[in-house]
N, C-alpha and C. Protein backbone atom coordinates (compact mmCIF):
# COMPACT_ATOMS: atom_id res chain seq x y z
N MET A 1 3.83 -7.06 -21.30
CA MET A 1 4.35 -7.09 -19.75
C MET A 1 4.60 -5.77 -19.16
N ASN A 2 4.35 -5.90 -17.88
CA ASN A 2 4.54 -4.61 -17.47
C ASN A 2 5.91 -4.38 -16.33
N LYS A 3 6.65 -3.99 -16.79
CA LYS A 3 8.28 -4.15 -16.06
C LYS A 3 8.11 -3.55 -15.04
N TYR A 4 7.13 -3.06 -14.15
CA TYR A 4 7.08 -2.44 -12.76
C TYR A 4 5.84 -3.57 -12.42
N PRO A 5 5.30 -4.75 -12.63
CA PRO A 5 4.30 -4.77 -12.16
C PRO A 5 3.47 -4.80 -10.33
N TYR A 6 2.11 -4.40 -10.70
CA TYR A 6 1.48 -5.14 -9.45
C TYR A 6 1.35 -6.52 -8.76
N SER A 7 1.72 -7.32 -9.76
CA SER A 7 1.63 -8.86 -9.33
C SER A 7 1.92 -9.39 -10.71
N ALA A 8 2.58 -11.00 -10.47
CA ALA A 8 2.94 -11.66 -11.36
C ALA A 8 1.87 -11.44 -12.72
N GLY A 9 2.66 -11.64 -13.96
CA GLY A 9 1.44 -11.73 -15.01
C GLY A 9 0.86 -10.20 -15.30
N HIS A 10 1.30 -9.17 -14.65
CA HIS A 10 0.24 -7.93 -15.19
C HIS A 10 0.62 -7.66 -16.23
N LEU A 11 -0.43 -7.91 -17.12
CA LEU A 11 -0.31 -7.26 -18.79
C LEU A 11 -1.12 -6.13 -18.95
N MET A 12 -0.34 -5.59 -20.20
CA MET A 12 -1.07 -4.03 -20.71
C MET A 12 -1.21 -4.56 -21.92
N ALA A 13 -2.46 -3.85 -22.64
CA ALA A 13 -2.98 -3.94 -23.53
C ALA A 13 -2.63 -2.39 -24.40
N VAL A 14 -2.02 -2.05 -25.41
CA VAL A 14 -1.56 -0.60 -25.94
C VAL A 14 -1.87 -0.54 -27.24
N THR A 15 -2.39 0.59 -27.71
CA THR A 15 -2.77 1.11 -29.21
C THR A 15 -1.15 1.36 -29.62
N TYR A 16 -1.46 1.46 -31.32
CA TYR A 16 -0.25 1.09 -31.82
C TYR A 16 -0.50 2.97 -31.97
N ARG A 17 -1.26 3.51 -32.16
CA ARG A 17 -1.11 4.70 -32.33
C ARG A 17 -0.86 5.66 -30.94
N LYS A 18 -0.18 7.07 -30.85
CA LYS A 18 -0.21 7.14 -29.52
C LYS A 18 -1.25 8.36 -29.16
N LEU A 19 -1.57 7.96 -28.03
CA LEU A 19 -3.12 9.07 -27.75
C LEU A 19 -2.60 8.87 -26.48
N SER A 20 -3.49 10.13 -25.91
CA SER A 20 -3.53 10.22 -24.59
C SER A 20 -5.16 10.41 -23.75
N GLU A 21 -6.48 10.39 -24.96
CA GLU A 21 -7.50 10.50 -24.53
C GLU A 21 -8.35 9.28 -25.14
N MET A 22 -9.16 8.31 -24.26
CA MET A 22 -9.79 7.25 -24.59
C MET A 22 -11.00 8.07 -25.97
N ASP A 23 -11.64 9.56 -25.67
CA ASP A 23 -12.15 9.84 -26.85
C ASP A 23 -11.94 10.17 -28.01
N GLU A 24 -10.11 9.63 -28.18
CA GLU A 24 -9.39 10.06 -29.34
C GLU A 24 -9.16 8.31 -30.04
N LEU A 25 -10.31 7.03 -29.90
CA LEU A 25 -9.66 5.93 -30.37
C LEU A 25 -10.95 5.53 -31.21
N ILE A 26 -10.79 5.11 -31.97
CA ILE A 26 -11.63 4.75 -33.12
C ILE A 26 -12.00 3.86 -32.95
N ASP A 27 -13.35 3.03 -33.44
CA ASP A 27 -14.05 1.95 -33.23
C ASP A 27 -13.08 0.60 -33.36
N GLU A 28 -12.34 0.68 -34.03
CA GLU A 28 -11.62 -0.72 -34.10
C GLU A 28 -10.90 -0.86 -33.26
N GLU A 29 -9.81 0.43 -32.86
CA GLU A 29 -9.10 0.35 -31.74
C GLU A 29 -9.94 -0.36 -30.36
N ILE A 30 -10.71 0.69 -30.33
CA ILE A 30 -11.82 -0.05 -29.27
C ILE A 30 -11.90 -1.30 -29.15
N LEU A 31 -12.45 -2.25 -30.21
CA LEU A 31 -12.93 -3.31 -30.60
C LEU A 31 -11.75 -4.34 -30.26
N GLU A 32 -9.65 -3.60 -30.96
CA GLU A 32 -8.96 -4.34 -30.71
C GLU A 32 -8.53 -4.24 -29.14
N LEU A 33 -8.59 -3.69 -28.47
CA LEU A 33 -8.23 -3.51 -27.24
C LEU A 33 -8.96 -4.67 -26.57
N TRP A 34 -10.39 -4.61 -26.72
CA TRP A 34 -10.86 -5.33 -25.73
C TRP A 34 -10.82 -6.90 -26.16
N HIS A 35 -10.27 -6.93 -27.32
CA HIS A 35 -10.27 -8.73 -27.54
C HIS A 35 -8.87 -8.80 -27.00
N LEU A 36 -7.87 -7.93 -27.06
CA LEU A 36 -6.51 -8.25 -26.27
C LEU A 36 -6.55 -8.39 -24.53
N CYS A 37 -7.54 -7.82 -23.90
CA CYS A 37 -8.07 -7.59 -22.72
C CYS A 37 -8.11 -9.46 -22.25
N THR A 38 -9.41 -9.13 -23.18
CA THR A 38 -10.26 -11.09 -22.94
C THR A 38 -8.85 -12.02 -23.68
N HIS A 39 -8.34 -12.06 -24.27
CA HIS A 39 -7.06 -12.91 -24.53
C HIS A 39 -6.02 -12.53 -23.69
N ALA A 40 -5.53 -11.73 -23.10
CA ALA A 40 -5.01 -11.69 -21.94
C ALA A 40 -5.28 -12.97 -20.64
N GLN A 41 -6.34 -12.29 -19.99
CA GLN A 41 -6.65 -12.83 -19.30
C GLN A 41 -7.14 -14.68 -19.47
N GLN A 42 -7.49 -14.94 -20.67
CA GLN A 42 -7.14 -16.57 -21.24
C GLN A 42 -5.70 -16.74 -20.92
N LEU A 43 -4.73 -16.58 -21.30
CA LEU A 43 -2.99 -16.56 -21.21
C LEU A 43 -2.98 -16.41 -19.73
N LEU A 44 -3.60 -15.76 -18.88
CA LEU A 44 -3.06 -15.37 -17.58
C LEU A 44 -3.97 -16.70 -16.42
N LYS A 45 -5.18 -16.87 -16.93
CA LYS A 45 -5.82 -18.22 -16.72
C LYS A 45 -5.08 -19.40 -16.50
N GLU A 46 -4.53 -19.67 -17.73
CA GLU A 46 -3.40 -20.91 -18.12
C GLU A 46 -2.26 -20.66 -17.57
N CYS A 47 -1.48 -19.72 -17.54
CA CYS A 47 0.11 -19.76 -16.73
C CYS A 47 -0.08 -19.30 -15.39
N VAL A 48 -0.47 -18.40 -14.59
CA VAL A 48 -0.28 -18.45 -13.53
C VAL A 48 -1.78 -18.78 -12.85
N LYS A 49 -2.92 -19.29 -13.19
CA LYS A 49 -3.72 -19.56 -12.85
C LYS A 49 -4.77 -18.65 -12.15
N ALA A 50 -4.51 -17.60 -12.74
CA ALA A 50 -5.49 -16.25 -12.13
C ALA A 50 -6.62 -16.33 -11.77
N GLN A 51 -7.41 -16.41 -10.83
CA GLN A 51 -8.81 -16.58 -10.63
C GLN A 51 -9.92 -15.39 -10.63
N GLY A 52 -9.06 -13.82 -10.72
CA GLY A 52 -10.05 -12.74 -11.52
C GLY A 52 -8.99 -12.21 -12.05
N PHE A 53 -9.85 -11.04 -12.16
CA PHE A 53 -8.81 -9.48 -12.71
C PHE A 53 -9.16 -8.42 -12.17
N ASN A 54 -8.08 -7.43 -12.19
CA ASN A 54 -8.36 -6.01 -11.93
C ASN A 54 -8.15 -5.62 -13.57
N VAL A 55 -9.19 -4.98 -14.23
CA VAL A 55 -9.09 -4.03 -15.35
C VAL A 55 -9.29 -3.04 -15.62
N GLY A 56 -8.51 -1.72 -16.06
CA GLY A 56 -8.58 -0.48 -15.98
C GLY A 56 -7.54 0.64 -16.76
N TRP A 57 -7.82 1.13 -16.59
CA TRP A 57 -7.08 2.47 -17.60
C TRP A 57 -6.31 3.61 -16.35
N ASN A 58 -5.34 4.13 -16.55
CA ASN A 58 -4.53 5.31 -15.60
C ASN A 58 -4.33 6.43 -16.41
N LEU A 59 -5.49 7.35 -16.63
CA LEU A 59 -5.64 8.54 -17.73
C LEU A 59 -5.23 9.64 -16.87
N GLY A 60 -4.04 10.09 -17.34
CA GLY A 60 -3.50 11.49 -17.04
C GLY A 60 -2.58 10.97 -15.51
N LYS A 61 -1.44 12.20 -15.92
CA LYS A 61 -0.52 11.96 -14.54
C LYS A 61 -1.11 11.61 -13.01
N PRO A 62 -2.42 12.56 -12.81
CA PRO A 62 -2.74 12.31 -11.48
C PRO A 62 -3.51 11.12 -11.25
N ALA A 63 -4.08 10.55 -12.11
CA ALA A 63 -4.36 9.00 -12.22
C ALA A 63 -3.03 8.11 -12.27
N GLY A 64 -1.87 8.16 -12.40
CA GLY A 64 -1.17 7.70 -12.33
C GLY A 64 -0.24 7.12 -13.57
N ALA A 65 -0.81 7.24 -14.57
CA ALA A 65 0.29 7.53 -15.99
C ALA A 65 1.20 7.76 -15.73
N GLY A 66 1.91 6.34 -16.21
CA GLY A 66 3.48 6.97 -16.27
C GLY A 66 4.05 7.01 -17.64
N VAL A 67 3.36 7.13 -18.83
CA VAL A 67 3.56 7.63 -20.15
C VAL A 67 2.10 8.00 -20.82
N GLN A 68 2.32 9.34 -20.17
CA GLN A 68 1.16 9.82 -20.54
C GLN A 68 0.16 9.95 -21.87
N ASP A 69 0.91 9.86 -22.75
CA ASP A 69 0.78 10.06 -24.47
C ASP A 69 0.86 8.70 -25.50
N HIS A 70 0.37 7.76 -24.14
CA HIS A 70 0.14 6.21 -24.98
C HIS A 70 -0.43 5.56 -24.19
N LEU A 71 -1.93 5.65 -24.75
CA LEU A 71 -3.37 4.95 -23.74
C LEU A 71 -2.36 3.60 -23.78
N HIS A 72 -3.04 2.56 -22.54
CA HIS A 72 -2.91 1.93 -22.82
C HIS A 72 -3.62 0.97 -21.31
N LEU A 73 -4.01 -0.47 -21.55
CA LEU A 73 -5.17 -0.70 -20.68
C LEU A 73 -4.93 -1.69 -20.04
N HIS A 74 -4.75 -1.98 -18.30
CA HIS A 74 -4.03 -3.20 -17.33
C HIS A 74 -4.94 -3.87 -17.04
N ILE A 75 -4.44 -5.11 -17.55
CA ILE A 75 -4.89 -5.91 -16.85
C ILE A 75 -4.08 -7.20 -15.48
N VAL A 76 -4.57 -7.34 -14.51
CA VAL A 76 -3.68 -7.62 -13.73
C VAL A 76 -4.60 -8.57 -12.56
N PRO A 77 -3.72 -9.74 -12.99
CA PRO A 77 -4.26 -11.30 -12.54
C PRO A 77 -4.56 -10.75 -10.69
N ARG A 78 -5.75 -11.90 -10.36
CA ARG A 78 -6.01 -11.50 -8.54
C ARG A 78 -6.06 -13.50 -8.40
N TRP A 79 -5.41 -13.38 -7.02
CA TRP A 79 -6.17 -14.68 -6.45
C TRP A 79 -7.17 -14.46 -4.88
N VAL A 80 -7.72 -15.54 -4.70
CA VAL A 80 -8.35 -15.17 -3.71
C VAL A 80 -7.22 -15.35 -2.51
N GLY A 81 -7.30 -14.15 -1.89
CA GLY A 81 -5.91 -13.94 -0.14
C GLY A 81 -4.88 -13.32 -1.16
N ASP A 82 -5.05 -12.90 -2.19
CA ASP A 82 -3.87 -11.93 -2.26
C ASP A 82 -3.43 -10.47 -1.90
N VAL A 83 -4.54 -10.25 -1.62
CA VAL A 83 -4.38 -8.88 -0.92
C VAL A 83 -3.49 -9.10 0.54
N ASN A 84 -2.74 -8.50 1.06
CA ASN A 84 -2.20 -7.96 2.05
C ASN A 84 -1.81 -6.24 2.69
N PHE A 85 -1.37 -6.62 4.19
CA PHE A 85 -0.38 -5.55 4.24
C PHE A 85 0.67 -4.75 3.49
N MET A 86 1.26 -5.79 2.93
CA MET A 86 2.16 -5.41 2.77
C MET A 86 2.11 -4.07 1.23
N THR A 87 1.60 -4.04 0.50
CA THR A 87 1.67 -2.67 -0.80
C THR A 87 0.83 -2.00 0.44
N VAL A 88 -0.27 -1.99 0.96
CA VAL A 88 -1.27 -0.84 1.51
C VAL A 88 -0.38 0.07 2.47
N VAL A 89 0.60 -1.09 3.46
CA VAL A 89 1.16 0.24 4.83
C VAL A 89 2.45 -0.20 4.10
N GLY A 90 3.62 -0.89 3.61
CA GLY A 90 4.39 -1.26 4.04
C GLY A 90 5.23 -0.58 2.50
N GLY A 91 4.35 -0.16 1.64
CA GLY A 91 5.17 0.07 0.10
C GLY A 91 5.63 -0.83 -0.45
N VAL A 92 5.71 -2.34 -0.53
CA VAL A 92 6.22 -2.98 -1.29
C VAL A 92 5.27 -3.92 -1.95
N ARG A 93 5.91 -4.06 -2.73
CA ARG A 93 5.08 -5.46 -3.70
C ARG A 93 6.21 -6.58 -3.79
N ILE A 94 5.67 -7.79 -3.90
CA ILE A 94 6.66 -8.84 -4.04
C ILE A 94 5.67 -9.70 -5.30
N ILE A 95 6.88 -10.18 -5.97
CA ILE A 95 6.69 -10.60 -7.22
C ILE A 95 7.05 -12.15 -7.22
N PRO A 96 6.29 -13.23 -7.18
CA PRO A 96 7.49 -14.50 -7.11
C PRO A 96 7.94 -15.13 -8.44
N GLU A 97 7.81 -14.58 -9.07
CA GLU A 97 8.26 -15.25 -10.61
C GLU A 97 9.09 -13.89 -10.96
N ALA A 98 10.17 -14.31 -11.88
CA ALA A 98 11.08 -13.14 -12.76
C ALA A 98 10.25 -13.10 -13.72
N LEU A 99 10.69 -11.90 -14.50
CA LEU A 99 9.86 -11.28 -15.83
C LEU A 99 9.89 -12.67 -16.59
N LYS A 100 10.99 -13.02 -16.97
CA LYS A 100 11.37 -13.78 -18.68
C LYS A 100 11.48 -15.39 -18.09
N PRO A 101 11.16 -15.79 -17.14
CA PRO A 101 10.22 -17.02 -16.98
C PRO A 101 8.88 -16.64 -17.23
N LEU A 102 8.57 -15.89 -17.00
CA LEU A 102 6.77 -16.01 -16.99
C LEU A 102 6.69 -15.69 -18.24
N TYR A 103 7.32 -14.38 -18.97
CA TYR A 103 7.24 -14.33 -20.65
C TYR A 103 7.06 -15.26 -21.44
N GLU A 104 8.59 -16.44 -21.12
CA GLU A 104 8.23 -17.80 -21.81
C GLU A 104 7.27 -18.73 -21.34
N ARG A 105 6.70 -18.46 -20.69
CA ARG A 105 5.28 -19.41 -20.45
C ARG A 105 4.18 -19.03 -20.91
N LEU A 106 4.13 -17.43 -21.01
CA LEU A 106 3.02 -16.43 -21.47
C LEU A 106 3.09 -17.05 -23.38
N ARG A 107 4.47 -17.16 -24.03
CA ARG A 107 4.42 -17.24 -25.39
C ARG A 107 3.96 -19.11 -25.26
N GLU A 108 4.76 -19.78 -24.45
CA GLU A 108 3.94 -21.53 -24.86
C GLU A 108 2.63 -21.60 -25.01
N ALA A 109 2.29 -20.62 -23.51
CA ALA A 109 0.50 -20.64 -23.67
C ALA A 109 -0.06 -19.98 -25.04
N GLN A 110 0.55 -19.29 -25.77
CA GLN A 110 0.00 -18.27 -26.88
C GLN A 110 -0.15 -19.36 -28.04
N ASP A 111 0.88 -19.97 -27.98
CA ASP A 111 1.24 -20.97 -29.28
C ASP A 111 0.30 -22.20 -28.91
N ARG A 112 0.28 -22.93 -27.76
CA ARG A 112 -1.16 -23.46 -27.34
C ARG A 112 -2.36 -23.60 -27.95
N LEU A 113 -2.91 -22.08 -27.47
CA LEU A 113 -4.29 -20.98 -27.95
C LEU A 113 -4.37 -20.84 -29.51
N ALA A 114 -3.17 -20.48 -29.96
CA ALA A 114 -3.39 -20.09 -31.52
C ALA A 114 -3.42 -21.68 -32.47
N GLY A 115 -2.72 -22.69 -31.78
CA GLY A 115 -2.78 -23.98 -32.17
C GLY A 115 -4.07 -24.41 -32.29
N GLY A 116 -5.33 -24.20 -31.07
CA GLY A 116 -6.37 -24.61 -31.15
C GLY A 116 -7.38 -24.31 -31.65
N LYS A 117 -7.12 -22.86 -32.26
CA LYS A 117 -7.87 -21.89 -32.78
C LYS A 117 -8.10 -22.64 -34.89
């Protein structure tokens, strides 16, 4: 989970190895990150009823990478009508759910998904 999310449920897929460039990834890491991304989307569809997603990388300090030497993929849930002036004009983020209760719901969803396989 992202400690400073753009929206409730903002997750990140992170490599075990500390890397700063995408071309440093090996095939197994690329595949694992992609699987983590699609799994995160399943969890978020169930837990926060996400209707869409922004998925992306922040590569390098100019792109907003807070931790430059640890490559990570952002998975941000989105909903119809969730964009408003607050983040654009006001520089404010509104998170409707605290991290701990959402974490618990994600864990429960993970257990349900794992039990179904």
